[in-house]
Protein backbone atom coordinates (compact mmCIF):
# COMPACT_ATOMS: atom_id res chain seq x y z
CA MET A 1 66.30 81.87 179.94
CA LEU A 2 65.83 80.69 176.38
CA ARG A 3 62.78 78.63 177.16
CA SER A 4 60.61 81.68 176.43
CA CYS A 5 62.67 83.02 173.54
CA PHE A 6 60.61 81.65 170.70
CA PHE A 7 57.11 80.65 169.76
CA PHE A 8 57.07 77.01 168.74
CA ALA A 9 54.63 74.33 167.66
CA PHE A 10 55.57 70.80 168.66
CA ILE A 11 54.51 69.16 165.42
CA PRO A 12 57.12 66.77 163.95
CA ILE A 13 56.95 66.08 160.22
CA VAL A 14 56.05 62.53 159.26
CA PHE A 15 54.44 60.56 156.49
CA ALA A 16 52.89 57.17 156.94
CA ALA A 17 52.31 54.06 154.86
CA GLY A 18 48.56 53.83 155.04
CA VAL A 19 48.42 50.14 154.30
CA LEU A 20 48.78 49.11 157.93
CA ALA A 21 46.47 49.60 160.89
CA GLN A 22 49.41 50.98 162.84
CA SER A 23 51.01 53.15 160.19
CA PRO A 24 54.81 53.28 160.26
CA ARG A 25 56.00 56.85 160.72
CA VAL A 26 58.71 58.96 159.16
CA ALA A 27 59.60 61.66 161.68
CA GLY A 28 61.56 64.82 162.21
CA THR A 29 61.65 68.37 160.93
CA LEU A 30 62.60 71.82 162.11
CA VAL A 31 61.36 75.00 160.46
CA VAL A 32 62.81 78.37 161.50
CA ALA A 33 61.14 81.65 160.50
CA VAL A 34 62.90 84.93 161.29
CA PRO A 35 61.62 88.42 160.44
CA VAL A 36 64.47 90.61 159.18
CA GLN A 37 64.95 94.11 157.83
CA GLU A 38 64.29 92.96 154.27
CA GLY A 39 61.34 90.67 154.96
CA LEU A 40 60.98 87.15 156.33
CA VAL A 41 63.56 84.35 156.19
CA VAL A 42 62.22 80.78 156.37
CA CYS A 43 64.55 77.79 156.69
CA SER A 44 63.82 74.08 156.99
CA ASP A 45 65.96 71.00 157.41
CA LYS A 46 65.90 68.41 154.61
CA ARG A 47 65.65 65.03 156.35
CA LEU A 48 62.94 62.53 155.53
CA TYR A 49 63.26 59.50 157.80
CA ASN A 50 61.47 56.22 157.12
CA ASP A 51 60.86 54.51 160.43
CA THR A 52 59.85 51.26 158.72
CA THR A 53 63.08 50.74 156.80
CA ASN A 54 65.24 52.77 159.23
CA THR A 55 66.56 54.79 156.30
CA PHE A 56 66.53 58.46 155.48
CA THR A 57 67.37 61.06 152.86
CA ASP A 58 68.77 64.50 153.59
CA THR A 59 67.77 66.03 150.26
CA TYR A 60 64.01 66.48 150.72
CA VAL A 61 62.76 70.03 150.05
CA LYS A 62 60.13 71.11 152.59
CA ILE A 63 59.77 74.76 151.55
CA HIS A 64 57.36 75.39 148.67
CA GLN A 65 56.82 78.68 146.89
CA VAL A 66 53.23 79.90 146.45
CA ASN A 67 53.93 83.16 144.62
CA SER A 68 56.38 86.07 144.83
CA GLY A 69 55.23 86.92 148.33
CA ALA A 70 54.24 83.62 149.94
CA LEU A 71 55.40 80.07 150.65
CA PHE A 72 54.20 77.09 152.64
CA VAL A 73 55.60 74.28 154.74
CA ALA A 74 53.88 71.19 156.16
CA THR A 75 54.46 69.19 159.30
CA HIS A 76 53.33 65.90 160.81
CA THR A 77 51.71 63.25 158.55
CA THR A 78 52.25 64.80 155.12
CA GLY A 79 51.29 61.71 153.12
CA PHE A 80 50.69 57.97 152.83
CA LEU A 81 52.61 55.40 150.83
CA ASP A 82 51.04 52.96 148.41
CA ALA A 83 52.00 49.42 149.47
CA THR A 84 52.28 48.14 145.91
CA THR A 85 54.22 50.93 144.22
CA GLY A 86 56.00 52.35 147.24
CA LYS A 87 55.11 55.84 146.01
CA MET A 88 53.16 58.54 147.77
CA ALA A 89 49.45 57.95 147.22
CA PHE A 90 48.36 60.94 149.31
CA ASP A 91 50.81 63.84 149.40
CA ILE A 92 49.77 67.12 151.02
CA PHE A 93 52.70 68.94 149.42
CA ASP A 94 51.51 67.89 145.96
CA ILE A 95 47.85 68.59 146.75
CA THR A 96 48.61 72.06 148.08
CA GLU A 97 50.97 72.92 145.22
CA LYS A 98 48.31 72.02 142.67
CA PHE A 99 45.72 74.05 144.57
CA VAL A 100 47.82 77.22 144.80
CA SER A 101 48.81 76.91 141.14
CA LYS A 102 45.13 77.10 140.18
CA ASN A 103 43.96 79.59 142.81
CA ASP A 104 45.55 82.99 143.39
CA PHE A 105 46.73 83.25 146.97
CA LYS A 106 44.20 85.30 148.91
CA PRO A 107 44.26 84.68 152.67
CA SER A 108 40.49 85.01 153.05
CA PRO A 109 37.83 82.70 154.53
CA ALA A 110 36.70 81.76 151.02
CA TYR A 111 40.23 80.79 149.99
CA TRP A 112 40.81 78.67 153.09
CA ASP A 113 37.40 77.02 152.76
CA SER A 114 38.23 75.99 149.20
CA LEU A 115 41.57 74.54 150.30
CA LYS A 116 39.91 72.70 153.18
CA LYS A 117 37.40 71.15 150.77
CA GLU A 118 40.19 70.04 148.42
CA ILE A 119 42.12 68.43 151.26
CA ARG A 120 39.02 66.69 152.60
CA ASP A 121 38.03 65.43 149.14
CA GLN A 122 41.53 64.13 148.41
CA LEU A 123 41.79 62.38 151.76
CA LEU A 124 38.43 60.67 151.31
CA ALA A 125 39.45 59.70 147.75
CA TYR A 126 42.55 58.05 149.20
CA LEU A 127 40.63 56.15 151.89
CA SER A 128 37.53 55.05 149.98
CA PRO A 129 39.02 52.29 147.72
CA ARG A 130 41.03 50.77 150.57
CA LYS A 131 40.02 48.28 153.21
CA TYR A 132 39.17 49.78 156.57
CA SER A 133 41.87 47.65 158.18
CA ASP A 134 44.43 49.33 155.90
CA TRP A 135 43.48 52.88 156.84
CA PRO A 136 46.02 54.83 158.92
CA ALA A 137 45.44 54.72 162.65
CA THR A 138 44.37 57.73 164.67
CA ASP A 139 47.35 59.59 166.10
CA THR A 140 46.08 59.72 169.66
CA ALA A 141 49.48 60.83 170.98
CA ASN A 142 49.08 64.09 169.06
CA ASN A 143 45.37 64.65 169.74
CA LYS A 144 44.33 63.16 166.37
CA LEU A 145 46.43 65.62 164.37
CA LEU A 146 47.04 64.46 160.82
CA PHE A 147 49.11 67.36 159.52
CA ASN A 148 49.65 71.06 159.83
CA LEU A 149 50.03 73.47 156.91
CA VAL A 150 51.68 76.82 157.53
CA PHE A 151 51.70 79.59 154.95
CA TYR A 152 54.07 82.53 155.35
CA ALA A 153 53.39 85.73 153.43
CA VAL A 154 54.57 89.33 153.27
CA ASP A 155 52.45 92.32 152.43
CA GLY A 156 53.87 95.83 152.48
CA LYS A 157 56.15 95.83 155.51
CA THR A 158 54.30 93.07 157.38
CA ALA A 159 55.05 89.34 157.59
CA ARG A 160 52.28 86.95 158.60
CA SER A 161 51.75 83.24 159.16
CA TYR A 162 48.56 81.30 158.44
CA SER A 163 48.28 77.92 160.16
CA MET A 164 45.81 75.22 159.13
CA SER A 165 45.56 72.05 161.22
CA VAL A 166 43.87 68.93 159.89
CA PHE A 167 42.64 66.31 162.37
CA TYR A 168 41.69 62.76 161.44
CA GLU A 169 40.07 59.91 163.35
CA LYS A 170 39.88 56.39 161.99
CA ALA A 171 36.23 55.30 162.06
CA PRO A 172 33.88 53.48 159.65
CA THR A 173 32.87 56.97 158.62
CA PRO A 174 36.21 58.80 158.91
CA VAL A 175 36.20 61.95 160.99
CA ILE A 176 38.06 64.84 159.34
CA TYR A 177 38.09 68.09 161.27
CA ILE A 178 39.72 71.29 160.02
CA PRO A 179 39.37 74.31 162.35
CA ASN A 180 39.56 77.90 161.18
CA VAL A 181 42.95 79.08 160.00
CA SER A 182 44.99 80.85 162.65
CA ALA A 183 46.64 84.07 161.42
CA GLU A 184 49.49 85.84 163.21
CA GLU A 185 51.88 88.68 162.47
CA VAL A 186 55.45 87.39 162.67
CA LYS A 187 57.44 89.83 164.82
CA THR A 188 59.92 87.46 166.48
CA PRO A 189 61.59 84.15 165.49
CA LYS A 190 59.20 81.19 165.23
CA LEU A 191 59.98 77.49 165.35
CA LEU A 192 57.84 74.67 163.95
CA GLY A 193 58.24 70.93 164.22
CA LYS A 194 60.94 69.99 166.69
CA GLY A 195 60.92 73.46 168.21
CA LYS A 196 59.95 72.28 171.67
CA ASP A 197 62.91 69.92 171.79
CA VAL A 198 65.27 72.65 170.58
CA ILE A 199 64.06 75.14 173.19
CA ALA A 200 64.48 72.54 175.95
CA LEU A 201 67.99 71.77 174.70
CA LEU A 202 69.03 75.42 174.68
CA ALA A 203 67.45 76.14 178.06
CA GLY A 204 69.20 73.15 179.64
CA ASN A 205 72.64 74.06 178.35
CA PRO A 206 74.17 77.07 180.19
CA LYS A 207 76.84 77.55 177.54
CA LEU A 208 74.30 77.72 174.75
CA SER A 209 71.73 79.72 176.70
CA SER A 210 74.30 82.44 177.42
CA ASP A 211 75.68 82.54 173.88
CA PRO A 212 75.22 86.12 172.55
CA SER A 213 74.51 84.75 169.06
CA PHE A 214 71.42 83.06 170.47
CA LEU A 215 70.48 85.72 173.02
CA ARG A 216 70.07 88.35 170.33
CA PHE A 217 67.12 86.31 169.03
CA ASP A 218 65.36 86.38 172.41
CA GLN A 219 61.84 87.72 171.92
CA TYR A 220 62.45 90.47 174.47
CA SER A 221 65.54 91.85 172.77
CA PHE A 222 65.03 90.79 169.17
CA ALA A 223 65.05 93.62 166.63
CA PRO A 224 64.08 92.74 163.04
CA GLY A 225 65.39 96.08 161.78
CA LYS A 226 68.85 95.21 163.07
CA THR A 227 68.79 91.63 161.77
CA SER A 228 70.12 90.85 158.30
CA VAL A 229 69.27 87.95 156.03
CA SER A 230 72.68 86.41 156.67
CA ASP A 231 72.13 86.76 160.45
CA ALA A 232 68.89 84.79 160.17
CA VAL A 233 70.39 82.07 157.99
CA ASP A 234 73.36 81.69 160.34
CA PHE A 235 71.00 81.44 163.32
CA ALA A 236 69.00 78.71 161.58
CA ARG A 237 72.18 76.88 160.59
CA LYS A 238 73.30 76.74 164.21
CA LEU A 239 69.92 75.37 165.29
CA PHE A 240 70.02 72.62 162.65
CA GLU A 241 73.57 71.65 163.56
CA ILE A 242 72.89 71.60 167.31
CA THR A 243 69.68 69.62 166.88
CA ASN A 244 71.35 67.11 164.55
CA THR A 245 74.32 66.61 166.86
CA SER A 246 72.78 66.83 170.32
CA LEU A 247 69.28 65.49 169.59
CA PRO A 248 69.74 62.63 167.10
CA GLN A 249 66.35 61.24 168.14
CA ALA A 250 64.77 64.38 166.66
CA ARG A 251 65.90 63.20 163.22
CA VAL A 252 66.71 66.68 161.93
CA SER A 253 69.40 67.04 159.27
CA LYS A 254 72.31 69.44 159.15
CA THR A 255 71.40 70.12 155.55
CA TYR A 256 68.77 72.79 155.05
CA ASP A 257 67.00 75.10 152.62
CA CYS A 258 66.34 78.79 153.18
CA ALA A 259 64.17 81.28 151.33
CA LEU A 260 63.49 84.99 151.72
CA LEU A 261 60.12 86.61 151.30
CA GLY A 262 61.39 90.10 150.61
CA TYR A 263 59.24 93.18 151.04
CA GLN A 264 60.74 94.60 147.87
CA THR A 265 62.26 91.60 146.10
CA GLY A 266 59.66 88.87 146.73
CA PHE A 267 60.53 85.16 146.96
CA ARG A 268 64.20 84.25 146.66
CA TRP A 269 66.06 81.04 147.44
CA LEU A 270 69.13 81.58 149.59
CA ASP A 271 72.44 79.79 149.93
CA ASN A 272 74.01 78.92 153.29
CA THR A 273 75.48 82.42 153.61
CA GLY A 274 72.18 84.20 152.99
CA ARG A 275 72.96 85.21 149.41
CA SER A 276 70.35 84.84 146.68
CA VAL A 277 70.47 81.74 144.51
CA VAL A 278 69.43 82.34 140.92
CA VAL A 279 69.15 78.67 139.89
CA ARG A 280 68.63 75.76 142.29
């Protein structure tokens, strides 16, 4: 029953050390977006897993504020490590944060084209001084996807998502393809990252699939006007806990961050009960 409850994109978050032909991956993320009476609640787990060292941290913040009415998250290969320093040499979170700090958020073709150019320029700047053999390999398993940026924004009484996918192919002249941004009004809960795995888990577990606390978020019965901020945060919390416990291979943490894009109040960080956090 729950297999059709949510929209999801099967795009796990990773970053790769670009100094190897077969770049080691750091995988796992789950982002939950739920429209509520007050606006849009967005939650993300906090795990960053390094597949090379088999270590992880559960304190990584994956939600980034754009302005009072918008935020962004990123999934899949969000950056590359420098072999010498061990630090991120290409970081899409940093690149995007710097871009939005200098450019007022306007979800228009001109705005997206400027962001696309910045991403392309920064990626080429990362690749150009390095040996071809050290460039990251093409992710053929995910149709050459490098990373996916998703902006969430509220305007009036409407919540929308804007998805930008960046594809990369390793070649003597690197192929970087960025299709048009996909915009969608968010009317029901949306899952990004490990969403496909979560849906399969819920659908295959009769106890979970019949749980009223999950069924109320079914797309056919979901009612944003009857859903509070605390309801949305509690729903996300349960998904993170279930994924962490029952799908350890998904590498999703129990720890998480949540933020509200309020129609009246704007961007607010939330605690694990759905209350506003003044200082993080």
